[in-house]
């Protein structure tokens, strides 16, 4: 397994690679803070990064737990699943964005 970033506190998971002709390539992935791995509700966010490791961009905020990023075939859009929990940390809504 190759680490995408130098952030040792970030657990990178669920990578999805966009590799199109005439493109440098991008990777979308879910990032989870390692200090939260044993909590009931994680703060998982979606990032996009260039294949060479440069240009990391945070796509989602910390309010919604996000997972399973996937580029559309033309590379113009990114889909993911967002989970929302109530004040008791119980799952209340799952919707694509």
PDB file of N, CA and C in Angstrom:
ATOM      1  N   UNK A   1       0.842  -1.171   0.000  1.00  0.00           N
ATOM      2  CA  UNK A   1       0.000   0.000   0.000  1.00  0.00           C
ATOM      3  C   UNK A   1       0.890   1.238   0.000  1.00  0.00           C
ATOM      4  N   UNK A   2       0.588   2.177  -0.850  1.00  0.00           N
ATOM      5  CA  UNK A   2       1.341   3.423  -0.955  1.00  0.00           C
ATOM      6  C   UNK A   2       0.540   4.539  -0.316  1.00  0.00           C
ATOM      7  N   UNK A   3       1.181   5.313   0.546  1.00  0.00           N
ATOM      8  CA  UNK A   3       0.535   6.461   1.193  1.00  0.00           C
ATOM      9  C   UNK A   3       0.466   7.599   0.183  1.00  0.00           C
ATOM     10  N   UNK A   4      -0.723   8.228   0.068  1.00  0.00           N
ATOM     11  CA  UNK A   4      -0.920   9.304  -0.905  1.00  0.00           C
ATOM     12  C   UNK A   4      -0.375  10.641  -0.430  1.00  0.00           C
ATOM     13  N   UNK A   5      -0.439  10.874   0.872  1.00  0.00           N
ATOM     14  CA  UNK A   5      -0.005  12.155   1.430  1.00  0.00           C
ATOM     15  C   UNK A   5       1.048  11.925   2.502  1.00  0.00           C
ATOM     16  N   UNK A   6       1.620  13.004   2.986  1.00  0.00           N
ATOM     17  CA  UNK A   6       2.600  12.903   4.069  1.00  0.00           C
ATOM     18  C   UNK A   6       1.940  13.034   5.436  1.00  0.00           C
ATOM     19  N   UNK A   7       0.623  13.174   5.480  1.00  0.00           N
ATOM     20  CA  UNK A   7      -0.111  13.315   6.744  1.00  0.00           C
ATOM     21  C   UNK A   7      -0.199  11.954   7.430  1.00  0.00           C
ATOM     22  N   UNK A   8       0.614  11.736   8.458  1.00  0.00           N
ATOM     23  CA  UNK A   8       0.642  10.440   9.138  1.00  0.00           C
ATOM     24  C   UNK A   8      -0.595  10.210   9.993  1.00  0.00           C
ATOM     25  N   UNK A   9      -1.369  11.256  10.273  1.00  0.00           N
ATOM     26  CA  UNK A   9      -2.579  11.120  11.079  1.00  0.00           C
ATOM     27  C   UNK A   9      -3.810  10.801  10.236  1.00  0.00           C
ATOM     28  N   UNK A  10      -3.679  10.845   8.912  1.00  0.00           N
ATOM     29  CA  UNK A  10      -4.815  10.621   8.014  1.00  0.00           C
ATOM     30  C   UNK A  10      -4.788   9.193   7.468  1.00  0.00           C
ATOM     31  N   UNK A  11      -5.858   8.464   7.710  1.00  0.00           N
ATOM     32  CA  UNK A  11      -5.994   7.120   7.135  1.00  0.00           C
ATOM     33  C   UNK A  11      -6.703   7.270   5.803  1.00  0.00           C
ATOM     34  N   UNK A  12      -6.037   6.930   4.723  1.00  0.00           N
ATOM     35  CA  UNK A  12      -6.570   7.064   3.365  1.00  0.00           C
ATOM     36  C   UNK A  12      -7.195   5.731   2.963  1.00  0.00           C
ATOM     37  N   UNK A  13      -8.461   5.769   2.546  1.00  0.00           N
ATOM     38  CA  UNK A  13      -9.145   4.523   2.191  1.00  0.00           C
ATOM     39  C   UNK A  13     -10.115   4.751   1.046  1.00  0.00           C
ATOM     40  N   UNK A  14     -10.599   3.675   0.464  1.00  0.00           N
ATOM     41  CA  UNK A  14     -11.563   3.669  -0.634  1.00  0.00           C
ATOM     42  C   UNK A  14     -11.103   4.521  -1.828  1.00  0.00           C
ATOM     43  N   UNK A  15      -9.880   4.316  -2.318  1.00  0.00           N
ATOM     44  CA  UNK A  15      -9.424   5.126  -3.458  1.00  0.00           C
ATOM     45  C   UNK A  15     -10.161   4.783  -4.749  1.00  0.00           C
ATOM     46  N   UNK A  16     -10.384   5.795  -5.565  1.00  0.00           N
ATOM     47  CA  UNK A  16     -10.976   5.614  -6.888  1.00  0.00           C
ATOM     48  C   UNK A  16     -10.119   6.423  -7.853  1.00  0.00           C
ATOM     49  N   UNK A  17      -9.547   5.776  -8.841  1.00  0.00           N
ATOM     50  CA  UNK A  17      -8.605   6.417  -9.758  1.00  0.00           C
ATOM     51  C   UNK A  17      -9.301   6.843 -11.035  1.00  0.00           C
ATOM     52  N   UNK A  18      -9.075   8.101 -11.418  1.00  0.00           N
ATOM     53  CA  UNK A  18      -9.534   8.613 -12.703  1.00  0.00           C
ATOM     54  C   UNK A  18      -8.320   8.649 -13.616  1.00  0.00           C
ATOM     55  N   UNK A  19      -8.301   7.783 -14.603  1.00  0.00           N
ATOM     56  CA  UNK A  19      -7.176   7.687 -15.522  1.00  0.00           C
ATOM     57  C   UNK A  19      -7.732   7.781 -16.933  1.00  0.00           C
ATOM     58  N   UNK A  20      -7.720   9.001 -17.470  1.00  0.00           N
ATOM     59  CA  UNK A  20      -8.283   9.238 -18.799  1.00  0.00           C
ATOM     60  C   UNK A  20      -7.164   9.577 -19.780  1.00  0.00           C
ATOM     61  N   UNK A  21      -7.347   9.289 -21.051  1.00  0.00           N
ATOM     62  CA  UNK A  21      -6.353   9.708 -22.041  1.00  0.00           C
ATOM     63  C   UNK A  21      -6.157  11.227 -21.978  1.00  0.00           C
ATOM     64  N   UNK A  22      -4.961  11.683 -22.215  1.00  0.00           N
ATOM     65  CA  UNK A  22      -4.622  13.118 -22.191  1.00  0.00           C
ATOM     66  C   UNK A  22      -4.883  13.745 -20.823  1.00  0.00           C
ATOM     67  N   UNK A  23      -4.737  12.966 -19.768  1.00  0.00           N
ATOM     68  CA  UNK A  23      -4.964  13.470 -18.412  1.00  0.00           C
ATOM     69  C   UNK A  23      -3.827  13.009 -17.516  1.00  0.00           C
ATOM     70  N   UNK A  24      -3.460  13.846 -16.565  1.00  0.00           N
ATOM     71  CA  UNK A  24      -2.409  13.474 -15.618  1.00  0.00           C
ATOM     72  C   UNK A  24      -2.922  12.463 -14.602  1.00  0.00           C
ATOM     73  N   UNK A  25      -4.246  12.328 -14.472  1.00  0.00           N
ATOM     74  CA  UNK A  25      -4.836  11.363 -13.550  1.00  0.00           C
ATOM     75  C   UNK A  25      -5.084  11.946 -12.173  1.00  0.00           C
ATOM     76  N   UNK A  26      -6.155  11.516 -11.579  1.00  0.00           N
ATOM     77  CA  UNK A  26      -6.547  11.969 -10.243  1.00  0.00           C
ATOM     78  C   UNK A  26      -6.999  10.763  -9.429  1.00  0.00           C
ATOM     79  N   UNK A  27      -6.927  10.910  -8.112  1.00  0.00           N
ATOM     80  CA  UNK A  27      -7.421   9.895  -7.192  1.00  0.00           C
ATOM     81  C   UNK A  27      -8.375  10.579  -6.224  1.00  0.00           C
ATOM     82  N   UNK A  28      -9.559  10.021  -6.079  1.00  0.00           N
ATOM     83  CA  UNK A  28     -10.489  10.462  -5.032  1.00  0.00           C
ATOM     84  C   UNK A  28     -10.429   9.405  -3.938  1.00  0.00           C
ATOM     85  N   UNK A  29     -10.436   9.837  -2.681  1.00  0.00           N
ATOM     86  CA  UNK A  29     -10.386   8.884  -1.585  1.00  0.00           C
ATOM     87  C   UNK A  29     -11.081   9.438  -0.352  1.00  0.00           C
ATOM     88  N   UNK A  30     -11.425   8.532   0.542  1.00  0.00           N
ATOM     89  CA  UNK A  30     -12.001   8.898   1.835  1.00  0.00           C
ATOM     90  C   UNK A  30     -10.858   9.012   2.833  1.00  0.00           C
ATOM     91  N   UNK A  31     -10.845  10.101   3.577  1.00  0.00           N
ATOM     92  CA  UNK A  31      -9.818  10.298   4.597  1.00  0.00           C
ATOM     93  C   UNK A  31     -10.444  10.300   5.982  1.00  0.00           C
ATOM     94  N   UNK A  32      -9.870   9.509   6.888  1.00  0.00           N
ATOM     95  CA  UNK A  32     -10.341   9.431   8.269  1.00  0.00           C
ATOM     96  C   UNK A  32      -9.168   9.748   9.187  1.00  0.00           C
ATOM     97  N   UNK A  33      -9.402  10.621  10.154  1.00  0.00           N
ATOM     98  CA  UNK A  33      -8.384  10.956  11.132  1.00  0.00           C
ATOM     99  C   UNK A  33      -8.120   9.738  12.006  1.00  0.00           C
ATOM    100  N   UNK A  34      -6.875   9.305  12.093  1.00  0.00           N
ATOM    101  CA  UNK A  34      -6.526   8.088  12.842  1.00  0.00           C
ATOM    102  C   UNK A  34      -6.942   8.164  14.316  1.00  0.00           C
ATOM    103  N   UNK A  35      -7.002   9.340  14.903  1.00  0.00           N
ATOM    104  CA  UNK A  35      -7.379   9.463  16.311  1.00  0.00           C
ATOM    105  C   UNK A  35      -8.854   9.165  16.527  1.00  0.00           C
ATOM    106  N   UNK A  36      -9.651   9.097  15.457  1.00  0.00           N
ATOM    107  CA  UNK A  36     -11.081   8.851  15.575  1.00  0.00           C
ATOM    108  C   UNK A  36     -11.480   7.415  15.204  1.00  0.00           C
ATOM    109  N   UNK A  37     -10.540   6.557  14.942  1.00  0.00           N
ATOM    110  CA  UNK A  37     -10.856   5.221  14.435  1.00  0.00           C
ATOM    111  C   UNK A  37     -11.717   4.389  15.368  1.00  0.00           C
ATOM    112  N   UNK A  38     -11.675   4.649  16.665  1.00  0.00           N
ATOM    113  CA  UNK A  38     -12.440   3.830  17.596  1.00  0.00           C
ATOM    114  C   UNK A  38     -13.657   4.567  18.151  1.00  0.00           C
ATOM    115  N   UNK A  39     -13.997   5.720  17.595  1.00  0.00           N
ATOM    116  CA  UNK A  39     -15.182   6.459  18.018  1.00  0.00           C
ATOM    117  C   UNK A  39     -16.427   5.882  17.351  1.00  0.00           C
ATOM    118  N   UNK A  40     -17.586   6.180  17.908  1.00  0.00           N
ATOM    119  CA  UNK A  40     -18.853   5.710  17.347  1.00  0.00           C
ATOM    120  C   UNK A  40     -19.103   6.290  15.973  1.00  0.00           C
ATOM    121  N   UNK A  41     -18.846   7.577  15.820  1.00  0.00           N
ATOM    122  CA  UNK A  41     -19.081   8.260  14.541  1.00  0.00           C
ATOM    123  C   UNK A  41     -17.782   8.901  14.089  1.00  0.00           C
ATOM    124  N   UNK A  42     -17.301   8.534  12.952  1.00  0.00           N
ATOM    125  CA  UNK A  42     -16.067   9.087  12.413  1.00  0.00           C
ATOM    126  C   UNK A  42     -16.350  10.342  11.607  1.00  0.00           C
ATOM    127  N   UNK A  43     -15.348  11.183  11.497  1.00  0.00           N
ATOM    128  CA  UNK A  43     -15.433  12.304  10.582  1.00  0.00           C
ATOM    129  C   UNK A  43     -14.656  11.895   9.341  1.00  0.00           C
ATOM    130  N   UNK A  44     -15.350  11.358   8.365  1.00  0.00           N
ATOM    131  CA  UNK A  44     -14.725  10.908   7.132  1.00  0.00           C
ATOM    132  C   UNK A  44     -15.029  11.932   6.045  1.00  0.00           C
ATOM    133  N   UNK A  45     -14.009  12.395   5.364  1.00  0.00           N
ATOM    134  CA  UNK A  45     -14.179  13.395   4.319  1.00  0.00           C
ATOM    135  C   UNK A  45     -13.589  12.882   3.010  1.00  0.00           C
ATOM    136  N   UNK A  46     -14.025  13.480   1.909  1.00  0.00           N
ATOM    137  CA  UNK A  46     -13.542  13.090   0.583  1.00  0.00           C
ATOM    138  C   UNK A  46     -12.479  14.091   0.125  1.00  0.00           C
ATOM    139  N   UNK A  47     -11.384  13.551  -0.397  1.00  0.00           N
ATOM    140  CA  UNK A  47     -10.299  14.345  -0.964  1.00  0.00           C
ATOM    141  C   UNK A  47     -10.089  13.923  -2.413  1.00  0.00           C
ATOM    142  N   UNK A  48      -9.553  14.843  -3.208  1.00  0.00           N
ATOM    143  CA  UNK A  48      -9.053  14.534  -4.552  1.00  0.00           C
ATOM    144  C   UNK A  48      -7.596  14.968  -4.571  1.00  0.00           C
ATOM    145  N   UNK A  49      -6.761  14.137  -5.167  1.00  0.00           N
ATOM    146  CA  UNK A  49      -5.333  14.424  -5.253  1.00  0.00           C
ATOM    147  C   UNK A  49      -4.827  13.969  -6.621  1.00  0.00           C
ATOM    148  N   UNK A  50      -3.807  14.627  -7.135  1.00  0.00           N
ATOM    149  CA  UNK A  50      -3.177  14.194  -8.387  1.00  0.00           C
ATOM    150  C   UNK A  50      -2.437  12.884  -8.143  1.00  0.00           C
ATOM    151  N   UNK A  51      -2.310  12.072  -9.171  1.00  0.00           N
ATOM    152  CA  UNK A  51      -1.630  10.779  -9.038  1.00  0.00           C
ATOM    153  C   UNK A  51      -0.203  10.939  -8.528  1.00  0.00           C
ATOM    154  N   UNK A  52       0.443  12.052  -8.851  1.00  0.00           N
ATOM    155  CA  UNK A  52       1.816  12.269  -8.388  1.00  0.00           C
ATOM    156  C   UNK A  52       1.883  12.740  -6.937  1.00  0.00           C
ATOM    157  N   UNK A  53       0.727  12.874  -6.253  1.00  0.00           N
ATOM    158  CA  UNK A  53       0.704  13.274  -4.846  1.00  0.00           C
ATOM    159  C   UNK A  53       0.572  14.767  -4.615  1.00  0.00           C
ATOM    160  N   UNK A  54       0.491  15.541  -5.665  1.00  0.00           N
ATOM    161  CA  UNK A  54       0.361  16.996  -5.523  1.00  0.00           C
ATOM    162  C   UNK A  54      -1.102  17.420  -5.597  1.00  0.00           C
ATOM    163  N   UNK A  55      -1.363  18.642  -5.189  1.00  0.00           N
ATOM    164  CA  UNK A  55      -2.671  19.253  -5.396  1.00  0.00           C
ATOM    165  C   UNK A  55      -3.831  18.656  -4.626  1.00  0.00           C
ATOM    166  N   UNK A  56      -3.609  18.234  -3.376  1.00  0.00           N
ATOM    167  CA  UNK A  56      -4.714  17.669  -2.593  1.00  0.00           C
ATOM    168  C   UNK A  56      -5.774  18.726  -2.320  1.00  0.00           C
ATOM    169  N   UNK A  57      -7.053  18.364  -2.553  1.00  0.00           N
ATOM    170  CA  UNK A  57      -8.178  19.259  -2.320  1.00  0.00           C
ATOM    171  C   UNK A  57      -9.213  18.520  -1.477  1.00  0.00           C
ATOM    172  N   UNK A  58      -9.666  19.157  -0.398  1.00  0.00           N
ATOM    173  CA  UNK A  58     -10.726  18.595   0.444  1.00  0.00           C
ATOM    174  C   UNK A  58     -12.064  18.950  -0.192  1.00  0.00           C
ATOM    175  N   UNK A  59     -12.875  17.938  -0.525  1.00  0.00           N
ATOM    176  CA  UNK A  59     -14.129  18.138  -1.254  1.00  0.00           C
ATOM    177  C   UNK A  59     -15.328  18.312  -0.320  1.00  0.00           C
ATOM    178  N   UNK A  60     -15.389  17.542   0.756  1.00  0.00           N
ATOM    179  CA  UNK A  60     -16.530  17.618   1.673  1.00  0.00           C
ATOM    180  C   UNK A  60     -16.111  18.280   2.980  1.00  0.00           C
ATOM    181  N   UNK A  61     -17.105  18.682   3.774  1.00  0.00           N
ATOM    182  CA  UNK A  61     -16.809  19.288   5.067  1.00  0.00           C
ATOM    183  C   UNK A  61     -16.886  18.229   6.171  1.00  0.00           C
ATOM    184  N   UNK A  62     -16.681  18.664   7.399  1.00  0.00           N
ATOM    185  CA  UNK A  62     -16.671  17.736   8.520  1.00  0.00           C
ATOM    186  C   UNK A  62     -18.066  17.466   9.093  1.00  0.00           C
ATOM    187  N   UNK A  63     -19.102  18.051   8.516  1.00  0.00           N
ATOM    188  CA  UNK A  63     -20.457  17.889   9.029  1.00  0.00           C
ATOM    189  C   UNK A  63     -21.115  16.588   8.567  1.00  0.00           C
ATOM    190  N   UNK A  64     -20.716  16.089   7.432  1.00  0.00           N
ATOM    191  CA  UNK A  64     -21.300  14.877   6.865  1.00  0.00           C
ATOM    192  C   UNK A  64     -20.226  13.814   6.748  1.00  0.00           C
ATOM    193  N   UNK A  65     -20.517  12.625   7.226  1.00  0.00           N
ATOM    194  CA  UNK A  65     -19.581  11.528   7.016  1.00  0.00           C
ATOM    195  C   UNK A  65     -19.726  11.088   5.567  1.00  0.00           C
ATOM    196  N   UNK A  66     -18.643  11.112   4.824  1.00  0.00           N
ATOM    197  CA  UNK A  66     -18.682  10.812   3.393  1.00  0.00           C
ATOM    198  C   UNK A  66     -17.872   9.556   3.108  1.00  0.00           C
ATOM    199  N   UNK A  67     -18.295   8.812   2.086  1.00  0.00           N
ATOM    200  CA  UNK A  67     -17.614   7.563   1.751  1.00  0.00           C
ATOM    201  C   UNK A  67     -17.839   7.209   0.289  1.00  0.00           C
ATOM    202  N   UNK A  68     -17.068   6.251  -0.183  1.00  0.00           N
ATOM    203  CA  UNK A  68     -17.218   5.640  -1.508  1.00  0.00           C
ATOM    204  C   UNK A  68     -17.205   6.647  -2.667  1.00  0.00           C
ATOM    205  N   UNK A  69     -16.149   7.451  -2.787  1.00  0.00           N
ATOM    206  CA  UNK A  69     -16.096   8.388  -3.911  1.00  0.00           C
ATOM    207  C   UNK A  69     -15.930   7.665  -5.243  1.00  0.00           C
ATOM    208  N   UNK A  70     -16.525   8.234  -6.295  1.00  0.00           N
ATOM    209  CA  UNK A  70     -16.422   7.644  -7.629  1.00  0.00           C
ATOM    210  C   UNK A  70     -16.577   8.762  -8.668  1.00  0.00           C
ATOM    211  N   UNK A  71     -15.617   8.861  -9.569  1.00  0.00           N
ATOM    212  CA  UNK A  71     -15.702   9.833 -10.654  1.00  0.00           C
ATOM    213  C   UNK A  71     -16.717   9.377 -11.693  1.00  0.00           C
ATOM    214  N   UNK A  72     -17.411  10.338 -12.287  1.00  0.00           N
ATOM    215  CA  UNK A  72     -18.220  10.036 -13.458  1.00  0.00           C
ATOM    216  C   UNK A  72     -17.256   9.671 -14.583  1.00  0.00           C
ATOM    217  N   UNK A  73     -17.704   8.890 -15.584  1.00  0.00           N
ATOM    218  CA  UNK A  73     -16.791   8.442 -16.654  1.00  0.00           C
ATOM    219  C   UNK A  73     -16.067   9.577 -17.383  1.00  0.00           C
ATOM    220  N   UNK A  74     -16.710  10.750 -17.519  1.00  0.00           N
ATOM    221  CA  UNK A  74     -16.048  11.853 -18.223  1.00  0.00           C
ATOM    222  C   UNK A  74     -15.118  12.655 -17.311  1.00  0.00           C
ATOM    223  N   UNK A  75     -15.094  12.344 -16.017  1.00  0.00           N
ATOM    224  CA  UNK A  75     -14.199  13.008 -15.083  1.00  0.00           C
ATOM    225  C   UNK A  75     -14.651  14.370 -14.599  1.00  0.00           C
ATOM    226  N   UNK A  76     -15.808  14.835 -15.043  1.00  0.00           N
ATOM    227  CA  UNK A  76     -16.261  16.181 -14.682  1.00  0.00           C
ATOM    228  C   UNK A  76     -16.913  16.250 -13.306  1.00  0.00           C
ATOM    229  N   UNK A  77     -17.431  15.125 -12.825  1.00  0.00           N
ATOM    230  CA  UNK A  77     -18.143  15.104 -11.550  1.00  0.00           C
ATOM    231  C   UNK A  77     -17.639  13.971 -10.674  1.00  0.00           C
ATOM    232  N   UNK A  78     -17.909  14.114  -9.384  1.00  0.00           N
ATOM    233  CA  UNK A  78     -17.550  13.101  -8.409  1.00  0.00           C
ATOM    234  C   UNK A  78     -18.798  12.781  -7.586  1.00  0.00           C
ATOM    235  N   UNK A  79     -19.143  11.522  -7.480  1.00  0.00           N
ATOM    236  CA  UNK A  79     -20.276  11.089  -6.656  1.00  0.00           C
ATOM    237  C   UNK A  79     -19.724  10.453  -5.386  1.00  0.00           C
ATOM    238  N   UNK A  80     -20.484  10.529  -4.303  1.00  0.00           N
ATOM    239  CA  UNK A  80     -20.118   9.869  -3.059  1.00  0.00           C
ATOM    240  C   UNK A  80     -21.373   9.680  -2.221  1.00  0.00           C
ATOM    241  N   UNK A  81     -21.265   8.860  -1.202  1.00  0.00           N
ATOM    242  CA  UNK A  81     -22.375   8.630  -0.275  1.00  0.00           C
ATOM    243  C   UNK A  81     -22.112   9.480   0.958  1.00  0.00           C
ATOM    244  N   UNK A  82     -23.148  10.205   1.400  1.00  0.00           N
ATOM    245  CA  UNK A  82     -23.042  11.013   2.615  1.00  0.00           C
ATOM    246  C   UNK A  82     -23.981  10.480   3.674  1.00  0.00           C
ATOM    247  N   UNK A  83     -23.487  10.359   4.895  1.00  0.00           N
ATOM    248  CA  UNK A  83     -24.289   9.864   6.011  1.00  0.00           C
ATOM    249  C   UNK A  83     -24.484  10.997   7.013  1.00  0.00           C
ATOM    250  N   UNK A  84     -25.693  11.155   7.536  1.00  0.00           N
ATOM    251  CA  UNK A  84     -25.980  12.164   8.542  1.00  0.00           C
ATOM    252  C   UNK A  84     -26.537  11.456   9.774  1.00  0.00           C
ATOM    253  N   UNK A  85     -26.094  11.875  10.946  1.00  0.00           N
ATOM    254  CA  UNK A  85     -26.514  11.272  12.206  1.00  0.00           C
ATOM    255  C   UNK A  85     -27.232  12.310  13.062  1.00  0.00           C
ATOM    256  N   UNK A  86     -28.118  11.852  13.960  1.00  0.00           N
ATOM    257  CA  UNK A  86     -28.801  12.771  14.861  1.00  0.00           C
ATOM    258  C   UNK A  86     -27.918  13.044  16.083  1.00  0.00           C
ATOM    259  N   UNK A  87     -28.429  13.804  17.052  1.00  0.00           N
ATOM    260  CA  UNK A  87     -27.634  14.206  18.209  1.00  0.00           C
ATOM    261  C   UNK A  87     -27.208  13.018  19.083  1.00  0.00           C
ATOM    262  N   UNK A  88     -27.892  11.885  18.974  1.00  0.00           N
ATOM    263  CA  UNK A  88     -27.496  10.676  19.710  1.00  0.00           C
ATOM    264  C   UNK A  88     -26.537   9.819  18.894  1.00  0.00           C
ATOM    265  N   UNK A  89     -26.080  10.370  17.784  1.00  0.00           N
ATOM    266  CA  UNK A  89     -25.142   9.689  16.885  1.00  0.00           C
ATOM    267  C   UNK A  89     -25.768   8.476  16.222  1.00  0.00           C
ATOM    268  N   UNK A  90     -27.090   8.513  16.038  1.00  0.00           N
ATOM    269  CA  UNK A  90     -27.777   7.447  15.329  1.00  0.00           C
ATOM    270  C   UNK A  90     -27.969   7.864  13.875  1.00  0.00           C
ATOM    271  N   UNK A  91     -27.796   6.932  13.000  1.00  0.00           N
ATOM    272  CA  UNK A  91     -27.927   7.155  11.564  1.00  0.00           C
ATOM    273  C   UNK A  91     -29.346   7.601  11.226  1.00  0.00           C
ATOM    274  N   UNK A  92     -29.485   8.752  10.525  1.00  0.00           N
ATOM    275  CA  UNK A  92     -30.832   9.209  10.176  1.00  0.00           C
ATOM    276  C   UNK A  92     -31.042   9.411   8.674  1.00  0.00           C
ATOM    277  N   UNK A  93     -29.979   9.580   7.917  1.00  0.00           N
ATOM    278  CA  UNK A  93     -30.179   9.883   6.504  1.00  0.00           C
ATOM    279  C   UNK A  93     -28.975   9.420   5.698  1.00  0.00           C
ATOM    280  N   UNK A  94     -29.254   8.821   4.542  1.00  0.00           N
ATOM    281  CA  UNK A  94     -28.181   8.467   3.605  1.00  0.00           C
ATOM    282  C   UNK A  94     -28.642   8.955   2.255  1.00  0.00           C
ATOM    283  N   UNK A  95     -27.831   9.780   1.619  1.00  0.00           N
ATOM    284  CA  UNK A  95     -28.239  10.297   0.309  1.00  0.00           C
ATOM    285  C   UNK A  95     -27.021  10.596  -0.549  1.00  0.00           C
ATOM    286  N   UNK A  96     -27.119  10.349  -1.866  1.00  0.00           N
ATOM    287  CA  UNK A  96     -26.018  10.718  -2.768  1.00  0.00           C
ATOM    288  C   UNK A  96     -26.002  12.231  -2.940  1.00  0.00           C
ATOM    289  N   UNK A  97     -24.830  12.770  -3.199  1.00  0.00           N
ATOM    290  CA  UNK A  97     -24.704  14.215  -3.422  1.00  0.00           C
ATOM    291  C   UNK A  97     -24.218  14.474  -4.821  1.00  0.00           C
TER     292      UNK A  97
END
